Amino acid sequence: MVRALALYSGGLDSMLSIKVILQQGIEVTAIRFITPFNTKLESFELADTSLLALGELNFNIKNYPINEKFLEILKKPKFGYGKNMNPCVDCKILMFKEAKRIMVEDDYDFIITGEVLWQRPMSQRRDILSVIDREASVQGYVVRPLSAKLLNPSIAEQSGMIDRQKLFDFSGRSRKPQMKLAKELELNNYVQPAGGCLLTDPLYSAKLKDLFLHTPNPSTIDIDLLRIGRHFRASNNLKIIVGRDKRDNDFIQSIAQPSDCILWVEGIGSSLTIIKGDPTETAIKIAASLCARHSDAKKKPEVEVSYKLSGNISTVKVFPAQDSMLASLRI
């Protein structure tokens, strides 16, 4: 039986590509490469929900973490960044390299993706698709069902494993053709098109640039913290993160290490604050001032802020941070 390996994002394009290939009697296994950046947490939850709606299509899905390899290309991508910190071309090359390894090891016949010609100006141009395939050594092995009729036939099409006439010629950024096809194929429960990569977010990218500048080899926790809170740079080796809501506070509480300093205002609504770096007396006062500013006591002339360090709880009285302080420290 012919077997295909699908690069699956959870979005409509990859779902359509899988169904189009399944309709030709081909077995499909979907793989989703996981990085710290490939989607917001809420989007992952939605993607998992849409996956359940595809259960009757009868395909398997496997998650493959590629954190370390991705971080290496992110620091210095061969083909550069997009508008922010998104190394789209190098990202695709890495994923296709990993997909080819899996294809060879597990005896799949070809790879499919939901890419649409000219949908993404950086990574889905005709010339760039050729570059990606060449760099990943997958020339001829990649089938792009939604745009296949606009591209050179793949090995699977040339050999008769796939009927090329049942593939499509979608092009450009409009999603109307995909939505029309989804209706025809009775795919009604899918994630609406939206930016899924955190690296395209300018605010997130600014925090990541700051992290790489001051921490050349960040930990997983350092990366995870970029998703939440307000970030402030107090010095080259000191960063302060202030939670925005209960979810942020819970996350900070869950990842805090014994060496971290955690601050809060007792007895009222307060953002949990964490110091990443050496919690000197000066650092604690700065963090306490930021914590007080982002609490319900922010209008008081002086606030008593509690902090926990090395298992001991103490307090410090500070003035809530002024706008000028926020502006000078905010990342």
Protein backbone atom coordinates (compact mmCIF):
# COMPACT_ATOMS: atom_id res chain seq x y z
CA MET A 1 0.00 0.00 0.00
CA VAL A 2 1.21 3.51 -0.81
CA ARG A 3 2.08 5.45 2.37
CA ALA A 4 2.42 9.21 2.76
CA LEU A 5 3.94 11.30 5.54
CA ALA A 6 2.11 14.61 6.07
CA LEU A 7 3.51 17.75 7.68
CA TYR A 8 0.58 18.77 9.85
CA SER A 9 0.07 22.18 11.46
CA GLY A 10 -3.53 21.77 12.62
CA GLY A 11 -4.65 24.43 10.13
CA LEU A 12 -7.10 24.14 7.26
CA ASP A 13 -4.51 23.82 4.47
CA SER A 14 -2.79 20.79 5.97
CA MET A 15 -6.15 19.20 6.82
CA LEU A 16 -7.36 19.61 3.25
CA SER A 17 -4.14 18.18 1.84
CA ILE A 18 -4.46 15.11 4.04
CA LYS A 19 -8.07 14.50 3.05
CA VAL A 20 -7.32 14.96 -0.67
CA ILE A 21 -4.61 12.30 -0.46
CA LEU A 22 -6.69 9.98 1.71
CA GLN A 23 -9.42 10.09 -0.95
CA GLN A 24 -6.98 8.47 -3.37
CA GLY A 25 -6.74 5.40 -1.13
CA ILE A 26 -3.34 6.32 0.28
CA GLU A 27 -2.41 5.69 3.91
CA VAL A 28 -1.41 8.92 5.68
CA THR A 29 0.51 9.48 8.89
CA ALA A 30 0.66 13.10 10.02
CA ILE A 31 3.59 14.54 11.94
CA ARG A 32 3.64 17.83 13.79
CA PHE A 33 7.02 19.32 14.64
CA ILE A 34 6.96 21.03 18.03
CA THR A 35 9.14 24.04 18.84
CA PRO A 36 8.80 26.61 21.64
CA PHE A 37 7.54 29.08 19.05
CA ASN A 38 5.30 27.39 16.51
CA THR A 39 1.99 28.41 18.02
CA LYS A 40 0.34 30.21 20.87
CA LEU A 41 -0.93 27.97 23.64
CA GLU A 42 -4.57 28.74 22.82
CA SER A 43 -4.02 27.75 19.19
CA PHE A 44 -2.67 24.37 20.24
CA GLU A 45 -5.85 23.73 22.16
CA LEU A 46 -7.94 24.64 19.12
CA ALA A 47 -5.79 22.50 16.84
CA ASP A 48 -6.31 19.52 19.11
CA THR A 49 -10.07 20.11 19.01
CA SER A 50 -10.11 20.22 15.19
CA LEU A 51 -8.05 17.04 15.13
CA LEU A 52 -10.78 15.22 17.03
CA ALA A 53 -13.25 16.29 14.34
CA LEU A 54 -11.07 14.53 11.75
CA GLY A 55 -11.20 11.20 13.51
CA GLU A 56 -13.34 9.57 10.80
CA LEU A 57 -10.61 10.28 8.25
CA ASN A 58 -8.48 7.53 9.79
CA PHE A 59 -4.97 8.90 9.99
CA ASN A 60 -2.44 8.89 12.78
CA ILE A 61 -0.70 11.98 14.12
CA LYS A 62 2.62 12.09 15.93
CA ASN A 63 4.36 15.00 17.65
CA TYR A 64 8.13 15.43 17.15
CA PRO A 65 9.93 17.99 19.38
CA ILE A 66 12.81 19.68 17.55
CA ASN A 67 13.63 22.35 20.14
CA GLU A 68 17.43 22.14 20.19
CA LYS A 69 17.86 21.93 16.41
CA PHE A 70 15.44 24.79 15.92
CA LEU A 71 17.18 27.02 18.46
CA GLU A 72 20.46 26.55 16.60
CA ILE A 73 19.07 27.72 13.26
CA LEU A 74 17.16 30.53 14.98
CA LYS A 75 20.36 32.09 16.30
CA LYS A 76 21.89 32.42 12.83
CA PRO A 77 19.57 31.36 9.96
CA LYS A 78 21.30 30.82 6.63
CA PHE A 79 18.45 32.47 4.73
CA GLY A 80 17.77 35.23 7.23
CA TYR A 81 14.68 36.40 9.07
CA GLY A 82 11.31 37.72 7.94
CA LYS A 83 9.98 40.99 9.34
CA ASN A 84 10.71 39.88 12.89
CA MET A 85 12.55 36.83 14.26
CA ASN A 86 10.92 34.31 11.92
CA PRO A 87 13.50 32.23 9.98
CA CYS A 88 10.77 30.79 7.73
CA VAL A 89 12.97 29.32 5.00
CA ASP A 90 15.46 27.70 7.41
CA CYS A 91 12.52 26.43 9.49
CA LYS A 92 10.99 24.70 6.46
CA ILE A 93 14.36 23.20 5.50
CA LEU A 94 14.82 21.78 9.00
CA MET A 95 11.34 20.29 9.03
CA PHE A 96 11.76 18.70 5.61
CA LYS A 97 15.14 17.26 6.64
CA GLU A 98 13.51 15.70 9.69
CA ALA A 99 10.56 14.50 7.62
CA LYS A 100 12.88 12.85 5.09
CA ARG A 101 14.71 11.04 7.90
CA ILE A 102 11.39 9.70 9.18
CA MET A 103 10.26 8.85 5.65
CA VAL A 104 13.37 6.77 5.01
CA GLU A 105 13.47 5.11 8.43
CA ASP A 106 9.76 4.16 8.43
CA ASP A 107 9.44 3.37 4.71
CA TYR A 108 7.02 6.05 3.52
CA ASP A 109 6.74 6.77 -0.20
CA PHE A 110 6.54 10.57 -0.18
CA ILE A 111 5.86 13.71 1.89
CA ILE A 112 2.81 15.97 1.64
CA THR A 113 2.29 19.50 2.91
CA GLY A 114 -0.49 22.08 2.91
CA GLU A 115 1.70 24.76 1.32
CA VAL A 116 0.00 27.02 -1.21
CA LEU A 117 2.05 28.77 -3.87
CA TRP A 118 2.49 32.52 -3.09
CA GLN A 119 0.50 32.32 0.14
CA ARG A 120 3.55 33.29 2.19
CA PRO A 121 5.83 35.79 0.44
CA MET A 122 9.00 34.61 2.20
CA SER A 123 8.71 30.83 2.12
CA GLN A 124 6.09 29.87 -0.49
CA ARG A 125 7.35 31.49 -3.67
CA ARG A 126 8.08 29.12 -6.53
CA ASP A 127 11.83 29.77 -6.43
CA ILE A 128 11.99 29.40 -2.64
CA LEU A 129 10.10 26.10 -2.68
CA SER A 130 12.81 24.78 -5.01
CA VAL A 131 15.54 26.08 -2.69
CA ILE A 132 13.90 24.44 0.33
CA ASP A 133 13.54 21.09 -1.44
CA ARG A 134 17.16 21.21 -2.62
CA GLU A 135 18.62 22.22 0.75
CA ALA A 136 16.63 19.48 2.50
CA SER A 137 17.46 16.90 -0.21
CA VAL A 138 13.79 16.11 -0.84
CA GLN A 139 13.59 17.06 -4.54
CA GLY A 140 10.73 15.15 -6.11
CA TYR A 141 9.55 13.61 -2.84
CA VAL A 142 7.28 16.49 -1.74
CA VAL A 143 3.67 16.67 -2.92
CA ARG A 144 1.81 19.93 -2.38
CA PRO A 145 -1.76 18.86 -3.19
CA LEU A 146 -3.34 22.33 -3.08
CA SER A 147 -0.94 23.82 -5.66
CA ALA A 148 0.38 20.68 -7.39
CA LYS A 149 -0.96 21.57 -10.84
CA LEU A 150 1.11 24.78 -10.80
CA LEU A 151 4.32 22.93 -9.86
CA ASN A 152 6.49 20.32 -11.51
CA PRO A 153 5.10 16.78 -11.08
CA SER A 154 6.52 14.93 -8.10
CA ILE A 155 7.89 11.39 -8.25
CA ALA A 156 4.62 10.15 -6.74
CA GLU A 157 2.65 11.79 -9.55
CA GLN A 158 5.01 10.66 -12.29
CA SER A 159 4.97 7.05 -11.07
CA GLY A 160 1.19 6.88 -10.80
CA MET A 161 1.01 6.61 -7.01
CA ILE A 162 -1.10 9.80 -7.12
CA ASP A 163 -3.61 10.96 -9.72
CA ARG A 164 -2.39 14.47 -10.55
CA GLN A 165 -5.77 15.36 -12.07
CA LYS A 166 -7.36 15.09 -8.62
CA LEU A 167 -5.00 17.70 -7.16
CA PHE A 168 -5.46 21.49 -7.26
CA ASP A 169 -4.03 24.78 -8.57
CA PHE A 170 -4.56 27.15 -5.64
CA SER A 171 -2.34 30.22 -5.52
CA GLY A 172 -2.13 33.44 -3.55
CA ARG A 173 -3.18 34.63 -0.12
CA SER A 174 -6.96 34.33 -0.46
CA ARG A 175 -8.45 31.47 1.57
CA LYS A 176 -11.73 31.36 -0.36
CA PRO A 177 -10.70 28.37 -2.54
CA GLN A 178 -9.71 26.38 0.55
CA MET A 179 -12.95 27.23 2.34
CA LYS A 180 -14.96 26.23 -0.72
CA LEU A 181 -13.08 22.93 -0.90
CA ALA A 182 -13.57 22.37 2.83
CA LYS A 183 -17.33 22.72 2.34
CA GLU A 184 -17.26 20.26 -0.57
CA LEU A 185 -15.26 17.76 1.51
CA GLU A 186 -17.53 18.30 4.55
CA LEU A 187 -14.74 19.65 6.73
CA ASN A 188 -16.69 22.11 8.86
CA ASN A 189 -14.79 22.20 12.15
CA TYR A 190 -11.39 23.75 11.57
CA VAL A 191 -9.23 26.51 12.97
CA GLN A 192 -9.83 29.83 11.26
CA PRO A 193 -6.72 31.15 9.44
CA ALA A 194 -4.48 33.11 11.81
CA GLY A 195 -0.83 33.72 12.51
CA GLY A 196 0.45 30.69 14.40
CA CYS A 197 4.17 31.42 14.81
CA LEU A 198 5.18 33.50 17.79
CA LEU A 199 8.31 34.57 15.92
CA THR A 200 6.21 36.74 13.60
CA ASP A 201 4.94 38.75 16.58
CA PRO A 202 7.00 41.97 16.93
CA LEU A 203 6.55 42.16 20.72
CA TYR A 204 7.54 38.54 21.23
CA SER A 205 10.47 38.96 18.85
CA ALA A 206 11.76 41.95 20.82
CA LYS A 207 11.78 39.84 23.99
CA LEU A 208 13.55 36.99 22.19
CA LYS A 209 16.23 39.32 20.77
CA ASP A 210 16.83 40.68 24.27
CA LEU A 211 17.13 37.14 25.65
CA PHE A 212 19.65 36.04 23.02
CA LEU A 213 21.65 39.24 23.56
CA HIS A 214 22.00 38.70 27.31
CA THR A 215 21.70 34.90 27.53
CA PRO A 216 23.48 33.18 24.60
CA ASN A 217 22.38 29.71 25.76
CA PRO A 218 18.90 30.17 27.26
CA SER A 219 17.20 27.40 29.19
CA THR A 220 13.81 25.95 28.34
CA ILE A 221 12.35 27.96 31.21
CA ASP A 222 13.88 31.16 29.81
CA ILE A 223 12.18 30.47 26.48
CA ASP A 224 8.85 29.50 28.06
CA LEU A 225 8.78 32.72 30.10
CA LEU A 226 8.77 34.76 26.89
CA ARG A 227 5.16 33.68 26.33
CA ILE A 228 3.84 35.41 29.41
CA GLY A 229 3.97 38.62 31.38
CA ARG A 230 5.54 42.05 31.04
CA HIS A 231 9.33 41.93 30.67
CA PHE A 232 11.75 44.52 32.06
CA ARG A 233 15.54 44.65 31.66
CA ALA A 234 17.18 46.12 34.80
CA SER A 235 20.78 45.28 33.81
CA ASN A 236 22.78 43.01 31.50
CA ASN A 237 22.28 40.05 33.83
CA LEU A 238 18.97 40.94 35.43
CA LYS A 239 15.46 40.65 34.03
CA ILE A 240 12.17 41.14 35.85
CA ILE A 241 8.92 39.57 34.66
CA VAL A 242 5.55 40.77 35.95
CA GLY A 243 2.47 38.61 35.44
CA ARG A 244 -0.55 40.08 33.64
CA ASP A 245 -3.30 37.78 34.88
CA LYS A 246 -4.02 34.63 36.87
CA ARG A 247 -2.67 32.35 34.14
CA ASP A 248 0.64 34.24 34.12
CA ASN A 249 0.78 34.17 37.91
CA ASP A 250 0.13 30.43 37.98
CA PHE A 251 2.81 29.82 35.36
CA ILE A 252 5.40 31.91 37.22
CA GLN A 253 4.58 30.02 40.41
CA SER A 254 4.95 26.66 38.66
CA ILE A 255 8.37 27.32 37.09
CA ALA A 256 10.00 29.26 39.92
CA GLN A 257 13.30 27.77 41.07
CA PRO A 258 14.59 27.95 44.68
CA SER A 259 17.16 30.54 43.56
CA ASP A 260 14.50 32.80 42.02
CA CYS A 261 13.02 35.72 43.90
CA ILE A 262 9.19 35.92 43.75
CA LEU A 263 7.34 39.10 44.76
CA TRP A 264 3.69 40.01 45.41
CA VAL A 265 1.52 42.46 47.35
CA GLU A 266 -0.20 40.63 50.19
CA GLY A 267 -3.96 40.87 50.68
CA ILE A 268 -4.99 42.59 47.43
CA GLY A 269 -5.08 41.86 43.72
CA SER A 270 -1.46 41.63 42.65
CA SER A 271 0.66 40.50 39.75
CA LEU A 272 3.20 37.86 40.69
CA THR A 273 6.70 39.08 39.82
CA ILE A 274 9.88 37.07 39.30
CA ILE A 275 13.52 38.14 39.16
CA LYS A 276 15.71 36.27 36.70
CA GLY A 277 19.28 37.03 37.67
CA ASP A 278 21.10 37.97 40.86
CA PRO A 279 18.45 39.19 43.39
CA THR A 280 20.53 41.91 45.02
CA GLU A 281 18.95 44.42 47.38
CA THR A 282 18.74 46.97 44.57
CA ALA A 283 17.20 44.41 42.19
CA ILE A 284 14.58 43.47 44.77
CA LYS A 285 13.60 47.12 45.25
CA ILE A 286 13.25 47.64 41.49
CA ALA A 287 11.17 44.48 41.13
CA ALA A 288 9.06 45.43 44.15
CA SER A 289 8.36 48.83 42.63
CA LEU A 290 7.24 47.19 39.38
CA CYS A 291 5.14 44.69 41.29
CA ALA A 292 3.45 47.48 43.28
CA ARG A 293 2.69 49.40 40.09
CA HIS A 294 0.90 46.37 38.65
CA SER A 295 -1.22 45.74 41.74
CA ASP A 296 -4.44 47.23 43.08
CA ALA A 297 -2.27 49.35 45.40
CA LYS A 298 -0.67 51.23 42.51
CA LYS A 299 -2.20 54.58 43.54
CA LYS A 300 -0.87 54.45 47.09
CA PRO A 301 2.18 56.59 47.87
CA GLU A 302 3.98 53.63 49.43
CA VAL A 303 3.35 49.89 49.18
CA GLU A 304 4.61 46.99 51.27
CA VAL A 305 5.69 44.21 48.90
CA SER A 306 6.33 40.65 50.06
CA TYR A 307 9.06 38.54 48.50
CA LYS A 308 10.28 34.98 48.84
CA LEU A 309 13.97 34.16 48.42
CA SER A 310 15.72 30.91 49.39
CA GLY A 311 12.62 29.78 51.23
CA ASN A 312 12.42 32.89 53.41
CA ILE A 313 9.63 35.50 53.15
CA SER A 314 10.44 39.15 53.78
CA THR A 315 8.90 42.53 52.95
CA VAL A 316 10.12 45.81 51.51
CA LYS A 317 8.37 49.19 51.27
CA VAL A 318 8.60 50.98 47.91
CA PHE A 319 6.96 53.62 45.75
CA PRO A 320 4.99 52.15 42.81
CA ALA A 321 6.98 52.54 39.60
CA GLN A 322 6.31 55.70 37.62
CA ASP A 323 5.69 55.84 33.87
CA SER A 324 9.27 56.98 33.23
CA MET A 325 10.64 53.90 35.02
CA LEU A 326 8.37 51.59 33.03
CA ALA A 327 9.46 53.16 29.77
CA SER A 328 13.17 52.94 30.58
CA LEU A 329 13.10 49.28 31.63
CA ARG A 330 10.42 47.73 29.42
CA ILE A 331 11.64 45.29 26.76
